[in-house]
Protein backbone atom coordinates (compact mmCIF):
# COMPACT_ATOMS: atom_id res chain seq x y z
CA UNK A 1 100.29 92.05 88.06
CA UNK A 2 100.92 93.30 85.00
CA UNK A 3 103.06 97.12 85.17
CA UNK A 4 100.77 99.04 82.15
CA UNK A 5 98.46 98.97 84.84
CA UNK A 6 100.56 98.95 88.00
CA UNK A 7 101.79 102.91 86.48
CA UNK A 8 97.85 103.83 85.32
CA UNK A 9 96.57 106.79 87.16
CA UNK A 10 93.83 105.16 88.41
CA UNK A 11 95.39 102.28 89.84
CA UNK A 12 97.28 104.60 91.81
CA UNK A 13 93.31 106.32 93.31
CA UNK A 14 91.85 102.92 93.33
CA UNK A 15 95.21 103.16 96.11
CA UNK A 16 94.64 106.39 97.57
CA UNK A 17 91.02 105.16 98.04
CA UNK A 18 91.67 101.69 99.48
CA UNK A 19 94.14 103.18 102.29
CA UNK A 20 91.41 105.79 103.53
CA UNK A 21 88.43 102.66 103.90
CA UNK A 22 91.40 100.66 105.35
CA UNK A 23 92.24 102.83 107.93
CA UNK A 24 88.43 103.55 108.88
CA UNK A 25 88.12 99.99 109.65
CA UNK A 26 90.89 100.66 111.18
CA UNK A 27 90.17 103.51 113.31
CA UNK A 28 87.16 100.93 114.54
CA UNK A 29 88.93 98.19 116.21
CA UNK A 30 91.63 99.63 117.84
CA UNK A 31 90.19 102.56 118.92
CA UNK A 32 86.16 101.73 118.32
CA UNK A 33 86.68 98.83 120.46
CA UNK A 34 85.27 96.49 117.81
CA UNK A 35 88.74 93.65 117.75
CA UNK A 36 86.57 91.88 119.56
CA UNK A 37 82.49 92.72 120.06
CA UNK A 38 80.96 92.26 122.98
CA UNK A 39 77.28 92.55 122.11
CA UNK A 40 75.40 89.19 120.41
CA UNK A 41 72.94 88.94 117.23
CA UNK A 42 73.39 90.76 113.88
CA UNK A 43 70.98 93.09 114.84
CA UNK A 44 73.00 94.90 118.18
CA UNK A 45 76.31 94.86 116.31
CA UNK A 46 75.52 96.47 113.26
CA UNK A 47 73.73 99.15 115.86
CA UNK A 48 77.77 98.94 116.80
CA UNK A 49 79.07 99.69 113.87
CA UNK A 50 76.74 102.78 112.28
CA UNK A 51 77.81 104.31 116.11
CA UNK A 52 81.55 103.26 115.45
CA UNK A 53 81.65 104.90 112.20
CA UNK A 54 79.46 107.29 112.82
CA UNK A 55 81.88 108.98 116.04
CA UNK A 56 85.29 108.10 113.36
CA UNK A 57 83.96 110.57 110.96
CA UNK A 58 82.81 112.78 113.10
CA UNK A 59 86.66 112.64 114.25
CA UNK A 60 88.52 113.07 110.50
CA UNK A 61 85.54 116.35 110.29
CA UNK A 62 87.37 117.99 112.38
CA UNK A 63 91.25 117.45 111.18
CA UNK A 64 89.45 117.96 108.10
CA UNK A 65 88.32 121.11 109.16
CA UNK A 66 91.08 122.73 109.93
CA UNK A 67 93.71 125.28 108.72
CA UNK A 68 96.61 123.62 107.11
CA UNK A 69 99.49 125.96 106.19
């Protein structure tokens, strides 16, 4: 990667946002138990994924609401 891109502010923001997104998928695979899906069919898998991501959002909302010194 060229140094001009790696040193830019936009690239740094992109890396921060990428980490946030990857954390969600990692949480769903480990805590949400989607590393191996136990249902069949695209619709059922989709419902399970949405349910897991909603649970992850609730967990994040809880931690975002805490007052930090």
